Structure formats: structure tokens, C-alpha cells
Amino acid sequence: MFAILAASASYIAVPAAMKISVPKANPGLFLPMALAVSFPINITLGMPFYFMIVQLTTN
């Protein structure tokens, strides 16, 4: 669960990082893109990968 929460930190970090690095960036574009890119990757690849790591480290 901690790995999933840590991987989800991008949803929180992207708005702050974009506002600082590119002040004129359109939040209507970069907020959905942060979710559109990282969320599906986290679900399809991340969760099985994290589960595999947990299985390998606990056995």
C-alpha cells in the first residue's frame, strides 16, 4: 500500500511543480495530463510490479 501511495504522489506534486517551473502553463491541460498518463500506468503496470516486489521480499 505504501508503494501505491508513493507512486501516486505525482498527482499532488505535478500542480506545484508546474506552477513554479512554468508559471504560464494552463492548469486545465497539465492537471488532466498528470492523471491521464500516470494513473493508467500505475494501475496496469505499477500495482502488479509492487505486488511482485512484496511477494519476493516477504518469502
N, C-alpha and C. Protein backbone atom coordinates (compact mmCIF):
# COMPACT_ATOMS: atom_id res chain seq x y z
N MET A 1 0.82 -1.18 0.00
CA MET A 1 0.00 0.00 0.00
C MET A 1 0.87 1.25 0.00
N PHE A 2 1.98 1.21 0.73
CA PHE A 2 2.85 2.37 0.77
C PHE A 2 3.43 2.68 -0.61
N ALA A 3 3.78 1.64 -1.37
CA ALA A 3 4.32 1.84 -2.71
C ALA A 3 3.29 2.49 -3.62
N ILE A 4 2.04 2.09 -3.50
CA ILE A 4 0.99 2.69 -4.32
C ILE A 4 0.80 4.15 -3.93
N LEU A 5 0.81 4.44 -2.65
CA LEU A 5 0.68 5.83 -2.21
C LEU A 5 1.87 6.67 -2.67
N ALA A 6 3.06 6.12 -2.60
CA ALA A 6 4.25 6.85 -3.03
C ALA A 6 4.21 7.10 -4.54
N ALA A 7 3.76 6.13 -5.29
CA ALA A 7 3.67 6.31 -6.74
C ALA A 7 2.59 7.31 -7.11
N SER A 8 1.60 7.45 -6.28
CA SER A 8 0.52 8.39 -6.54
C SER A 8 0.88 9.81 -6.17
N ALA A 9 2.04 10.02 -5.62
CA ALA A 9 2.45 11.37 -5.22
C ALA A 9 2.54 12.31 -6.41
N SER A 10 2.68 11.78 -7.61
CA SER A 10 2.76 12.66 -8.78
C SER A 10 1.49 13.47 -8.97
N TYR A 11 0.36 12.93 -8.53
CA TYR A 11 -0.89 13.67 -8.66
C TYR A 11 -0.86 14.94 -7.81
N ILE A 12 -0.12 14.89 -6.72
CA ILE A 12 -0.01 16.02 -5.82
C ILE A 12 1.14 16.93 -6.25
N ALA A 13 2.23 16.35 -6.69
CA ALA A 13 3.44 17.11 -7.00
C ALA A 13 3.36 17.87 -8.31
N VAL A 14 2.67 17.35 -9.30
CA VAL A 14 2.66 17.99 -10.62
C VAL A 14 2.11 19.41 -10.59
N PRO A 15 0.97 19.68 -9.97
CA PRO A 15 0.48 21.06 -10.00
C PRO A 15 1.47 22.06 -9.40
N ALA A 16 2.07 21.73 -8.27
CA ALA A 16 3.02 22.64 -7.64
C ALA A 16 4.27 22.82 -8.50
N ALA A 17 4.79 21.74 -9.04
CA ALA A 17 5.99 21.82 -9.86
C ALA A 17 5.75 22.60 -11.15
N MET A 18 4.61 22.38 -11.77
CA MET A 18 4.31 23.11 -13.00
C MET A 18 4.08 24.59 -12.73
N LYS A 19 3.43 24.91 -11.63
CA LYS A 19 3.17 26.32 -11.32
C LYS A 19 4.48 27.07 -11.07
N ILE A 20 5.46 26.39 -10.47
CA ILE A 20 6.75 27.02 -10.19
C ILE A 20 7.60 27.09 -11.45
N SER A 21 7.69 25.98 -12.19
CA SER A 21 8.61 25.93 -13.33
C SER A 21 8.07 26.63 -14.57
N VAL A 22 6.78 26.56 -14.79
CA VAL A 22 6.17 27.19 -15.98
C VAL A 22 4.93 27.96 -15.50
N PRO A 23 5.13 29.20 -15.04
CA PRO A 23 4.00 29.94 -14.46
C PRO A 23 2.84 30.19 -15.43
N LYS A 24 3.12 30.23 -16.72
CA LYS A 24 2.07 30.50 -17.70
C LYS A 24 1.38 29.23 -18.20
N ALA A 25 1.75 28.10 -17.64
CA ALA A 25 1.15 26.83 -18.06
C ALA A 25 -0.33 26.80 -17.71
N ASN A 26 -1.10 26.18 -18.57
CA ASN A 26 -2.54 26.09 -18.39
C ASN A 26 -2.87 24.91 -17.47
N PRO A 27 -3.41 25.18 -16.26
CA PRO A 27 -3.71 24.07 -15.35
C PRO A 27 -4.81 23.15 -15.89
N GLY A 28 -5.62 23.66 -16.80
CA GLY A 28 -6.64 22.81 -17.41
C GLY A 28 -6.04 21.75 -18.31
N LEU A 29 -4.77 21.91 -18.67
CA LEU A 29 -4.09 20.94 -19.51
C LEU A 29 -3.19 20.01 -18.71
N PHE A 30 -2.35 20.57 -17.82
CA PHE A 30 -1.38 19.71 -17.14
C PHE A 30 -1.99 18.89 -16.01
N LEU A 31 -3.07 19.33 -15.40
CA LEU A 31 -3.69 18.51 -14.36
C LEU A 31 -4.31 17.23 -14.92
N PRO A 32 -5.14 17.32 -15.97
CA PRO A 32 -5.66 16.07 -16.54
C PRO A 32 -4.57 15.19 -17.15
N MET A 33 -3.52 15.81 -17.70
CA MET A 33 -2.45 15.01 -18.29
C MET A 33 -1.68 14.23 -17.23
N ALA A 34 -1.51 14.82 -16.04
CA ALA A 34 -0.84 14.09 -14.96
C ALA A 34 -1.63 12.84 -14.61
N LEU A 35 -2.94 12.96 -14.58
CA LEU A 35 -3.78 11.80 -14.28
C LEU A 35 -3.86 10.85 -15.47
N ALA A 36 -3.97 11.39 -16.68
CA ALA A 36 -4.14 10.56 -17.86
C ALA A 36 -2.92 9.70 -18.15
N VAL A 37 -1.74 10.17 -17.76
CA VAL A 37 -0.53 9.41 -18.03
C VAL A 37 -0.18 8.49 -16.86
N SER A 38 -0.12 9.05 -15.66
CA SER A 38 0.40 8.26 -14.54
C SER A 38 -0.61 7.29 -13.94
N PHE A 39 -1.88 7.62 -13.92
CA PHE A 39 -2.87 6.73 -13.30
C PHE A 39 -2.99 5.40 -14.04
N PRO A 40 -3.16 5.37 -15.36
CA PRO A 40 -3.25 4.07 -16.04
C PRO A 40 -1.97 3.24 -15.92
N ILE A 41 -0.82 3.92 -15.94
CA ILE A 41 0.44 3.19 -15.80
C ILE A 41 0.53 2.58 -14.40
N ASN A 42 0.11 3.35 -13.41
CA ASN A 42 0.12 2.85 -12.03
C ASN A 42 -0.79 1.65 -11.87
N ILE A 43 -1.94 1.67 -12.48
CA ILE A 43 -2.90 0.57 -12.33
C ILE A 43 -2.44 -0.66 -13.11
N THR A 44 -2.04 -0.47 -14.38
CA THR A 44 -1.74 -1.63 -15.22
C THR A 44 -0.35 -2.22 -14.96
N LEU A 45 0.63 -1.38 -14.72
CA LEU A 45 1.99 -1.87 -14.52
C LEU A 45 2.46 -1.76 -13.08
N GLY A 46 2.11 -0.68 -12.43
CA GLY A 46 2.62 -0.41 -11.10
C GLY A 46 2.14 -1.38 -10.05
N MET A 47 0.84 -1.57 -9.96
CA MET A 47 0.31 -2.44 -8.90
C MET A 47 0.81 -3.87 -9.00
N PRO A 48 0.82 -4.49 -10.19
CA PRO A 48 1.40 -5.84 -10.27
C PRO A 48 2.89 -5.87 -9.92
N PHE A 49 3.61 -4.81 -10.32
CA PHE A 49 5.03 -4.73 -10.01
C PHE A 49 5.25 -4.60 -8.50
N TYR A 50 4.49 -3.74 -7.85
CA TYR A 50 4.61 -3.58 -6.40
C TYR A 50 4.25 -4.88 -5.69
N PHE A 51 3.22 -5.54 -6.17
CA PHE A 51 2.80 -6.81 -5.57
C PHE A 51 3.90 -7.86 -5.71
N MET A 52 4.55 -7.89 -6.88
CA MET A 52 5.63 -8.83 -7.10
C MET A 52 6.80 -8.55 -6.15
N ILE A 53 7.11 -7.28 -5.95
CA ILE A 53 8.20 -6.93 -5.05
C ILE A 53 7.86 -7.36 -3.62
N VAL A 54 6.62 -7.13 -3.21
CA VAL A 54 6.20 -7.55 -1.87
C VAL A 54 6.30 -9.06 -1.73
N GLN A 55 5.88 -9.80 -2.74
CA GLN A 55 5.94 -11.25 -2.69
C GLN A 55 7.39 -11.73 -2.59
N LEU A 56 8.29 -11.10 -3.33
CA LEU A 56 9.70 -11.51 -3.32
C LEU A 56 10.39 -11.17 -2.00
N THR A 57 10.01 -10.06 -1.40
CA THR A 57 10.69 -9.65 -0.17
C THR A 57 10.13 -10.31 1.07
N THR A 58 8.91 -10.82 1.02
CA THR A 58 8.34 -11.44 2.22
C THR A 58 8.58 -12.94 2.28
N ASN A 59 8.95 -13.56 1.19
CA ASN A 59 9.16 -15.02 1.20
C ASN A 59 10.60 -15.36 1.39
